[in-house]
C-alpha cells in the first residue's frame, strides 16, 4: 500500500457504545476500527489503530511512529486533550502531519473540556462529526500530503 496512518485513541474510547451513548453514540470501538480500516483500504492507505487508557503508552506509540515511517497521525486523546502537556510535547516532536479528532463539540460541553492543550500541536482539529470525524481527518491528511 501507499501512505501509512496511525490512529491513536486515548482513555475510555475502548468503551464506545457503552459509555454515555447519548453523547458518544451506540457504535462500539470495534465498529470505529472497522470503519477506519474500510475507508483506509478504499483509499490505498495502510492504517493501524491503537488505543490506550495510559498516557505513557500513547506517548510511546507516538514516538515509535516517527521511527516506523508513519506518514500521518489521527489522534483522539480523550480527556488527555485537556491536561496532557506530555502528549502536547510529544506531538510537537514527531515530524508527520497530525489531525486531532473529537466525537463531540467539546466547546459546548463542560467548562473543563473547553481547554485543549494538545490541539495547538496538531495541524487541524475536527469535531462534532462523531465517528465520521476520523474519515474527515483521513481526507485532511490526504489533502496535506497533496500539498507536499
Protein backbone atom coordinates (compact mmCIF):
# COMPACT_ATOMS: atom_id res chain seq x y z
CA UNK A 1 0.00 0.00 0.00
CA UNK A 2 0.95 3.66 -0.17
CA UNK A 3 0.84 6.02 2.78
CA UNK A 4 0.67 4.92 6.42
CA UNK A 5 -1.60 6.39 9.10
CA UNK A 6 -1.51 5.75 12.81
CA UNK A 7 -4.83 6.35 14.58
CA UNK A 8 -4.37 6.87 18.32
CA UNK A 9 -7.31 6.80 20.72
CA UNK A 10 -6.98 7.74 24.35
CA UNK A 11 -8.77 6.89 27.58
CA UNK A 12 -12.27 5.45 27.53
CA UNK A 13 -12.59 5.29 23.75
CA UNK A 14 -12.49 1.50 24.07
CA UNK A 15 -15.84 1.94 25.86
CA UNK A 16 -17.64 3.45 22.86
CA UNK A 17 -21.20 2.15 22.67
CA UNK A 18 -21.21 1.54 26.43
CA UNK A 19 -20.10 4.91 27.76
CA UNK A 20 -22.83 7.53 27.74
CA UNK A 21 -24.26 6.57 24.33
CA UNK A 22 -26.50 9.65 24.23
CA UNK A 23 -23.31 11.71 23.91
CA UNK A 24 -20.89 9.32 22.19
CA UNK A 25 -23.28 7.15 20.18
CA UNK A 26 -24.19 3.48 20.18
CA UNK A 27 -21.48 2.18 17.88
CA UNK A 28 -18.65 0.26 19.56
CA UNK A 29 -14.91 0.78 19.37
CA UNK A 30 -14.75 -2.28 17.10
CA UNK A 31 -17.25 -0.54 14.81
CA UNK A 32 -14.98 2.51 14.73
CA UNK A 33 -11.90 0.45 13.87
CA UNK A 34 -13.81 -1.38 11.11
CA UNK A 35 -14.97 1.95 9.64
CA UNK A 36 -11.44 3.39 9.68
CA UNK A 37 -9.90 0.24 8.18
CA UNK A 38 -12.53 0.03 5.44
CA UNK A 39 -12.12 3.69 4.48
CA UNK A 40 -8.32 3.48 4.54
CA UNK A 41 -8.30 0.37 2.36
CA UNK A 42 -10.57 2.06 -0.20
CA UNK A 43 -8.01 4.89 -0.42
CA UNK A 44 -4.95 2.62 -0.63
CA UNK A 45 -3.76 3.66 2.83
CA UNK A 46 -2.23 1.32 5.39
CA UNK A 47 -3.71 2.08 8.81
CA UNK A 48 -3.02 1.00 12.37
CA UNK A 49 -5.48 1.73 15.17
CA UNK A 50 -4.06 1.98 18.68
CA UNK A 51 -5.97 2.63 21.90
CA UNK A 52 -4.73 3.02 25.43
CA UNK A 53 -6.07 4.30 28.72
CA UNK A 54 -2.49 5.17 29.71
CA UNK A 55 -0.74 8.41 28.82
CA UNK A 56 2.73 6.84 28.73
CA UNK A 57 1.64 4.10 26.32
CA UNK A 58 0.20 6.74 23.98
CA UNK A 59 3.46 8.70 24.09
CA UNK A 60 5.50 5.54 23.48
CA UNK A 61 3.39 4.67 20.40
CA UNK A 62 3.57 8.20 19.00
CA UNK A 63 7.35 8.28 19.39
CA UNK A 64 7.64 4.88 17.71
CA UNK A 65 5.54 6.19 14.80
CA UNK A 66 8.36 8.51 13.79
CA UNK A 67 10.74 5.54 13.58
CA UNK A 68 8.14 3.37 11.80
CA UNK A 69 7.82 5.72 8.83
CA UNK A 70 4.23 6.67 9.58
CA UNK A 71 3.08 9.42 7.19
CA UNK A 72 0.30 10.88 9.33
CA UNK A 73 -1.36 10.64 12.73
CA UNK A 74 -5.01 10.92 13.66
CA UNK A 75 -5.37 11.33 17.41
CA UNK A 76 -8.29 11.50 19.78
CA UNK A 77 -6.57 11.97 23.14
CA UNK A 78 -9.89 11.77 25.01
CA UNK A 79 -9.74 13.55 28.36
CA UNK A 80 -5.96 13.85 28.00
CA UNK A 81 -6.71 16.63 25.49
CA UNK A 82 -7.46 18.93 28.40
CA UNK A 83 -4.35 18.49 30.51
CA UNK A 84 -1.59 16.42 28.91
CA UNK A 85 1.35 18.66 28.21
CA UNK A 86 3.38 15.46 27.84
CA UNK A 87 1.30 14.42 24.80
CA UNK A 88 1.47 18.01 23.52
CA UNK A 89 5.28 17.92 23.70
CA UNK A 90 5.37 14.52 22.01
CA UNK A 91 3.12 15.69 19.17
CA UNK A 92 5.39 18.68 18.63
CA UNK A 93 8.41 16.38 18.36
CA UNK A 94 7.11 13.96 15.75
CA UNK A 95 7.56 15.18 12.17
CA UNK A 96 4.48 13.96 10.32
CA UNK A 97 1.12 15.80 9.96
CA UNK A 98 -1.25 15.30 12.89
CA UNK A 99 -5.03 15.72 12.98
CA UNK A 100 -6.89 15.80 16.30
CA UNK A 101 -10.42 14.37 16.36
CA UNK A 102 -13.23 14.69 18.89
CA UNK A 103 -16.53 12.87 18.53
CA UNK A 104 -18.47 15.72 20.12
CA UNK A 105 -18.32 19.50 20.18
CA UNK A 106 -16.08 19.85 23.23
CA UNK A 107 -16.60 23.62 23.28
CA UNK A 108 -20.30 23.15 24.03
CA UNK A 109 -19.83 20.76 26.92
CA UNK A 110 -18.49 21.09 30.46
CA UNK A 111 -16.22 24.06 31.12
CA UNK A 112 -13.11 21.93 31.72
CA UNK A 113 -13.44 20.39 28.22
CA UNK A 114 -13.05 23.79 26.58
CA UNK A 115 -9.33 23.90 27.43
CA UNK A 116 -7.34 21.97 24.82
CA UNK A 117 -3.63 21.68 25.42
CA UNK A 118 -2.89 19.10 22.71
CA UNK A 119 -4.69 20.80 19.81
CA UNK A 120 -2.05 23.50 19.16
CA UNK A 121 0.48 20.73 18.38
CA UNK A 122 -1.74 19.41 15.58
CA UNK A 123 -2.21 20.64 12.02
CA UNK A 124 -6.00 20.59 12.29
CA UNK A 125 -8.83 19.73 14.67
CA UNK A 126 -12.08 18.04 13.63
CA UNK A 127 -15.03 17.73 15.99
CA UNK A 128 -18.80 17.27 16.09
CA UNK A 129 -18.86 14.60 13.36
CA UNK A 130 -18.95 11.51 15.54
CA UNK A 131 -17.07 8.59 14.03
CA UNK A 132 -17.16 10.28 10.62
CA UNK A 133 -14.65 12.75 12.07
CA UNK A 134 -11.97 10.10 11.64
CA UNK A 135 -12.80 9.84 7.93
CA UNK A 136 -12.70 13.64 7.62
CA UNK A 137 -9.30 13.53 9.33
CA UNK A 138 -8.11 10.94 6.82
CA UNK A 139 -9.27 13.23 3.99
CA UNK A 140 -7.43 16.14 5.61
CA UNK A 141 -4.21 14.11 5.73
CA UNK A 142 -4.62 13.22 2.03
CA UNK A 143 -5.09 16.93 1.33
CA UNK A 144 -1.95 17.82 3.29
CA UNK A 145 0.08 15.13 1.52
CA UNK A 146 -1.05 16.55 -1.82
CA UNK A 147 0.45 19.90 -0.83
CA UNK A 148 3.87 18.42 -0.03
